[in-house]
Amino acid sequence: MTDKNLEQALDILKDRGVRITPQRKVILEYLVTQHNHPSVEQIFNGIKDGSVGLGIATVYNTLQILVAQKLVIELSNGDDGKMRYDYFGIPHYHAICLNCGKITDIFTELTFHEAEREAEQKSGYLIESTHVETHGYCPECQIKLGLTKINK
């Protein structure tokens, strides 16, 4: 599925007139295949040994292009204060641990498009994007902190 996602993302960029450089392609490919919500430094370190010439400034600049094209989103991580990046070609929710900062993707049948349409109808806004984060404690931190679920 990731090859198909990468090709679709590259097609979107081409259709929008964004030039596909080898560096942009390898950064996008990294984000499509990784689900660890990497920082700029993690992306750079994860692909710097590849065959394309790549500097950290190129990673920053490419990420800004991908964010502007709404293929990638920025996530703030309270754990270390660094911005994280996530391929968002397939919209999904995020659960973020309040203790360790871990970010987990949550894919669901609920659609962002339905929420956006309703928000437009109720507010009169022209909605450009939707991102949902939930905050709580990951299973590992629940154990470490001795937390149990409270029925609501």
C-alpha atoms as a PDB file:
ATOM      1  CA  MET A   1       0.000   0.000   0.000  1.00  0.00           C
ATOM      2  CA  THR A   2       2.854   2.426   0.695  1.00  0.00           C
ATOM      3  CA  ASP A   3       4.067   2.350  -2.936  1.00  0.00           C
ATOM      4  CA  LYS A   4       0.553   3.296  -4.037  1.00  0.00           C
ATOM      5  CA  ASN A   5       0.413   6.081  -1.408  1.00  0.00           C
ATOM      6  CA  LEU A   6       3.768   7.442  -2.555  1.00  0.00           C
ATOM      7  CA  GLU A   7       2.729   7.446  -6.209  1.00  0.00           C
ATOM      8  CA  GLN A   8      -0.555   9.174  -5.383  1.00  0.00           C
ATOM      9  CA  ALA A   9       1.260  11.828  -3.347  1.00  0.00           C
ATOM     10  CA  LEU A  10       3.781  12.413  -6.139  1.00  0.00           C
ATOM     11  CA  ASP A  11       0.935  12.714  -8.658  1.00  0.00           C
ATOM     12  CA  ILE A  12      -0.782  15.306  -6.452  1.00  0.00           C
ATOM     13  CA  LEU A  13       2.413  17.352  -6.282  1.00  0.00           C
ATOM     14  CA  LYS A  14       2.923  17.123 -10.058  1.00  0.00           C
ATOM     15  CA  ASP A  15      -0.694  18.144 -10.709  1.00  0.00           C
ATOM     16  CA  ARG A  16      -0.165  21.182  -8.480  1.00  0.00           C
ATOM     17  CA  GLY A  17       2.980  22.200 -10.348  1.00  0.00           C
ATOM     18  CA  VAL A  18       5.435  21.232  -7.601  1.00  0.00           C
ATOM     19  CA  ARG A  19       8.715  20.039  -9.090  1.00  0.00           C
ATOM     20  CA  ILE A  20       9.675  16.538  -7.945  1.00  0.00           C
ATOM     21  CA  THR A  21      13.358  16.559  -7.075  1.00  0.00           C
ATOM     22  CA  PRO A  22      15.179  13.419  -5.896  1.00  0.00           C
ATOM     23  CA  GLN A  23      15.455  14.991  -2.440  1.00  0.00           C
ATOM     24  CA  ARG A  24      11.736  15.751  -2.226  1.00  0.00           C
ATOM     25  CA  LYS A  25      10.897  12.261  -3.383  1.00  0.00           C
ATOM     26  CA  VAL A  26      13.125  10.560  -0.805  1.00  0.00           C
ATOM     27  CA  ILE A  27      11.789  12.749   2.030  1.00  0.00           C
ATOM     28  CA  LEU A  28       8.194  12.051   1.025  1.00  0.00           C
ATOM     29  CA  GLU A  29       8.942   8.342   0.690  1.00  0.00           C
ATOM     30  CA  TYR A  30      10.443   8.331   4.186  1.00  0.00           C
ATOM     31  CA  LEU A  31       7.324   9.973   5.627  1.00  0.00           C
ATOM     32  CA  VAL A  32       4.946   7.644   3.767  1.00  0.00           C
ATOM     33  CA  THR A  33       6.765   4.558   5.060  1.00  0.00           C
ATOM     34  CA  GLN A  34       7.539   5.690   8.618  1.00  0.00           C
ATOM     35  CA  HIS A  35       4.880   5.902  11.297  1.00  0.00           C
ATOM     36  CA  ASN A  36       7.088   7.260  14.062  1.00  0.00           C
ATOM     37  CA  HIS A  37       6.165  10.938  13.621  1.00  0.00           C
ATOM     38  CA  PRO A  38       9.784  11.997  13.133  1.00  0.00           C
ATOM     39  CA  SER A  39      11.402  15.355  13.834  1.00  0.00           C
ATOM     40  CA  VAL A  40      13.441  17.155  11.164  1.00  0.00           C
ATOM     41  CA  GLU A  41      16.607  15.702  12.662  1.00  0.00           C
ATOM     42  CA  GLN A  42      15.198  12.167  12.650  1.00  0.00           C
ATOM     43  CA  ILE A  43      14.185  12.509   9.010  1.00  0.00           C
ATOM     44  CA  PHE A  44      17.615  13.855   8.104  1.00  0.00           C
ATOM     45  CA  ASN A  45      19.425  11.090  10.010  1.00  0.00           C
ATOM     46  CA  GLY A  46      17.097   8.446   8.581  1.00  0.00           C
ATOM     47  CA  ILE A  47      17.871   9.301   4.966  1.00  0.00           C
ATOM     48  CA  LYS A  48      21.209  11.161   4.924  1.00  0.00           C
ATOM     49  CA  ASP A  49      23.111   8.004   3.997  1.00  0.00           C
ATOM     50  CA  GLY A  50      21.091   7.637   0.777  1.00  0.00           C
ATOM     51  CA  SER A  51      22.390   8.403  -2.682  1.00  0.00           C
ATOM     52  CA  VAL A  52      20.816  11.884  -2.994  1.00  0.00           C
ATOM     53  CA  GLY A  53      22.697  14.934  -1.739  1.00  0.00           C
ATOM     54  CA  LEU A  54      20.704  16.081   1.230  1.00  0.00           C
ATOM     55  CA  GLY A  55      21.255  18.807   3.792  1.00  0.00           C
ATOM     56  CA  ILE A  56      19.156  19.599   6.827  1.00  0.00           C
ATOM     57  CA  ALA A  57      18.012  22.871   5.211  1.00  0.00           C
ATOM     58  CA  THR A  58      16.620  20.840   2.312  1.00  0.00           C
ATOM     59  CA  VAL A  59      14.653  18.723   4.780  1.00  0.00           C
ATOM     60  CA  TYR A  60      13.216  21.860   6.429  1.00  0.00           C
ATOM     61  CA  ASN A  61      12.324  23.453   3.085  1.00  0.00           C
ATOM     62  CA  THR A  62      10.785  20.271   1.678  1.00  0.00           C
ATOM     63  CA  LEU A  63       8.686  19.760   4.795  1.00  0.00           C
ATOM     64  CA  GLN A  64       7.302  23.292   4.484  1.00  0.00           C
ATOM     65  CA  ILE A  65       6.317  22.576   0.870  1.00  0.00           C
ATOM     66  CA  LEU A  66       4.654  19.279   1.834  1.00  0.00           C
ATOM     67  CA  VAL A  67       2.807  20.944   4.720  1.00  0.00           C
ATOM     68  CA  ALA A  68       1.623  23.755   2.425  1.00  0.00           C
ATOM     69  CA  GLN A  69       0.356  21.122  -0.020  1.00  0.00           C
ATOM     70  CA  LYS A  70      -1.500  19.401   2.861  1.00  0.00           C
ATOM     71  CA  LEU A  71       0.231  16.067   2.302  1.00  0.00           C
ATOM     72  CA  VAL A  72       2.110  16.325   5.587  1.00  0.00           C
ATOM     73  CA  ILE A  73       1.052  17.790   8.913  1.00  0.00           C
ATOM     74  CA  GLU A  74       3.051  19.213  11.791  1.00  0.00           C
ATOM     75  CA  LEU A  75       2.504  17.857  15.282  1.00  0.00           C
ATOM     76  CA  SER A  76       3.896  19.490  18.379  1.00  0.00           C
ATOM     77  CA  ASN A  77       5.327  17.080  20.891  1.00  0.00           C
ATOM     78  CA  GLY A  78       5.341  18.274  24.463  1.00  0.00           C
ATOM     79  CA  ASP A  79       7.889  15.615  25.392  1.00  0.00           C
ATOM     80  CA  ASP A  80      10.888  17.299  23.768  1.00  0.00           C
ATOM     81  CA  GLY A  81       9.355  20.453  22.297  1.00  0.00           C
ATOM     82  CA  LYS A  82      10.327  19.507  18.744  1.00  0.00           C
ATOM     83  CA  MET A  83       7.894  19.640  15.862  1.00  0.00           C
ATOM     84  CA  ARG A  84       7.024  16.216  14.434  1.00  0.00           C
ATOM     85  CA  TYR A  85       5.862  15.436  10.912  1.00  0.00           C
ATOM     86  CA  ASP A  86       3.339  12.939   9.633  1.00  0.00           C
ATOM     87  CA  TYR A  87       2.226  11.912   6.155  1.00  0.00           C
ATOM     88  CA  PHE A  88      -1.451  12.858   6.030  1.00  0.00           C
ATOM     89  CA  GLY A  89      -2.440  11.632   2.572  1.00  0.00           C
ATOM     90  CA  ILE A  90      -4.758   9.302   4.452  1.00  0.00           C
ATOM     91  CA  PRO A  91      -6.418  11.484   7.119  1.00  0.00           C
ATOM     92  CA  HIS A  92      -6.366   9.985  10.598  1.00  0.00           C
ATOM     93  CA  TYR A  93      -6.516  10.947  14.237  1.00  0.00           C
ATOM     94  CA  HIS A  94      -3.683  11.036  16.746  1.00  0.00           C
ATOM     95  CA  ALA A  95      -3.537   9.939  20.366  1.00  0.00           C
ATOM     96  CA  ILE A  96      -0.743  11.694  22.263  1.00  0.00           C
ATOM     97  CA  CYS A  97       0.542  10.482  25.627  1.00  0.00           C
ATOM     98  CA  LEU A  98       0.558  13.168  28.298  1.00  0.00           C
ATOM     99  CA  ASN A  99       3.452  11.471  30.078  1.00  0.00           C
ATOM    100  CA  CYS A 100       5.977  10.310  27.462  1.00  0.00           C
ATOM    101  CA  GLY A 101       4.796  12.259  24.391  1.00  0.00           C
ATOM    102  CA  LYS A 102       4.327   9.154  22.240  1.00  0.00           C
ATOM    103  CA  ILE A 103       2.091   9.811  19.213  1.00  0.00           C
ATOM    104  CA  THR A 104      -0.086   6.987  17.888  1.00  0.00           C
ATOM    105  CA  ASP A 105      -1.995   6.992  14.587  1.00  0.00           C
ATOM    106  CA  ILE A 106      -5.669   6.065  14.791  1.00  0.00           C
ATOM    107  CA  PHE A 107      -7.271   5.110  11.496  1.00  0.00           C
ATOM    108  CA  THR A 108     -11.057   4.980  11.619  1.00  0.00           C
ATOM    109  CA  GLU A 109     -14.102   4.863   9.395  1.00  0.00           C
ATOM    110  CA  LEU A 110     -15.139   8.299  10.658  1.00  0.00           C
ATOM    111  CA  THR A 111     -14.377  10.807   7.959  1.00  0.00           C
ATOM    112  CA  PHE A 112     -12.837  14.217   8.161  1.00  0.00           C
ATOM    113  CA  HIS A 113     -14.826  15.283   5.117  1.00  0.00           C
ATOM    114  CA  GLU A 114     -18.158  14.833   6.892  1.00  0.00           C
ATOM    115  CA  ALA A 115     -16.913  16.837   9.883  1.00  0.00           C
ATOM    116  CA  GLU A 116     -15.593  19.570   7.581  1.00  0.00           C
ATOM    117  CA  ARG A 117     -18.897  19.810   5.679  1.00  0.00           C
ATOM    118  CA  GLU A 118     -20.843  20.092   8.927  1.00  0.00           C
ATOM    119  CA  ALA A 119     -18.403  22.702  10.268  1.00  0.00           C
ATOM    120  CA  GLU A 120     -18.795  24.742   7.061  1.00  0.00           C
ATOM    121  CA  GLN A 121     -22.586  24.564   7.247  1.00  0.00           C
ATOM    122  CA  LYS A 122     -22.722  25.568  10.913  1.00  0.00           C
ATOM    123  CA  SER A 123     -20.027  28.254  10.844  1.00  0.00           C
ATOM    124  CA  GLY A 124     -19.985  29.667   7.333  1.00  0.00           C
ATOM    125  CA  TYR A 125     -16.215  29.039   7.244  1.00  0.00           C
ATOM    126  CA  LEU A 126     -14.473  27.649   4.193  1.00  0.00           C
ATOM    127  CA  ILE A 127     -12.666  24.773   5.905  1.00  0.00           C
ATOM    128  CA  GLU A 128      -9.198  24.039   4.545  1.00  0.00           C
ATOM    129  CA  SER A 129      -8.120  21.199   6.803  1.00  0.00           C
ATOM    130  CA  THR A 130      -9.007  19.209   9.881  1.00  0.00           C
ATOM    131  CA  HIS A 131      -6.730  17.599  12.420  1.00  0.00           C
ATOM    132  CA  VAL A 132      -7.872  15.815  15.565  1.00  0.00           C
ATOM    133  CA  GLU A 133      -5.692  15.000  18.551  1.00  0.00           C
ATOM    134  CA  THR A 134      -6.708  13.137  21.652  1.00  0.00           C
ATOM    135  CA  HIS A 135      -4.574  13.302  24.781  1.00  0.00           C
ATOM    136  CA  GLY A 136      -4.224  10.676  27.468  1.00  0.00           C
ATOM    137  CA  TYR A 137      -1.812   8.033  28.729  1.00  0.00           C
ATOM    138  CA  CYS A 138      -0.394   5.282  26.513  1.00  0.00           C
ATOM    139  CA  PRO A 139      -0.634   1.683  27.787  1.00  0.00           C
ATOM    140  CA  GLU A 140       3.022   1.656  28.870  1.00  0.00           C
ATOM    141  CA  CYS A 141       2.647   4.861  30.912  1.00  0.00           C
ATOM    142  CA  GLN A 142      -0.618   3.625  32.433  1.00  0.00           C
ATOM    143  CA  ILE A 143       1.292   0.653  33.828  1.00  0.00           C
ATOM    144  CA  LYS A 144       4.307   2.749  34.871  1.00  0.00           C
ATOM    145  CA  LEU A 145       2.085   5.326  36.611  1.00  0.00           C
ATOM    146  CA  GLY A 146      -0.357   2.793  38.060  1.00  0.00           C
ATOM    147  CA  LEU A 147      -3.327   4.339  36.242  1.00  0.00           C
ATOM    148  CA  THR A 148      -6.622   2.589  35.561  1.00  0.00           C
ATOM    149  CA  LYS A 149      -9.476   3.607  33.292  1.00  0.00           C
ATOM    150  CA  ILE A 150     -12.367   5.336  34.970  1.00  0.00           C
ATOM    151  CA  ASN A 151     -15.749   4.592  33.433  1.00  0.00           C
ATOM    152  CA  LYS A 152     -17.327   7.795  32.165  1.00  0.00           C
END
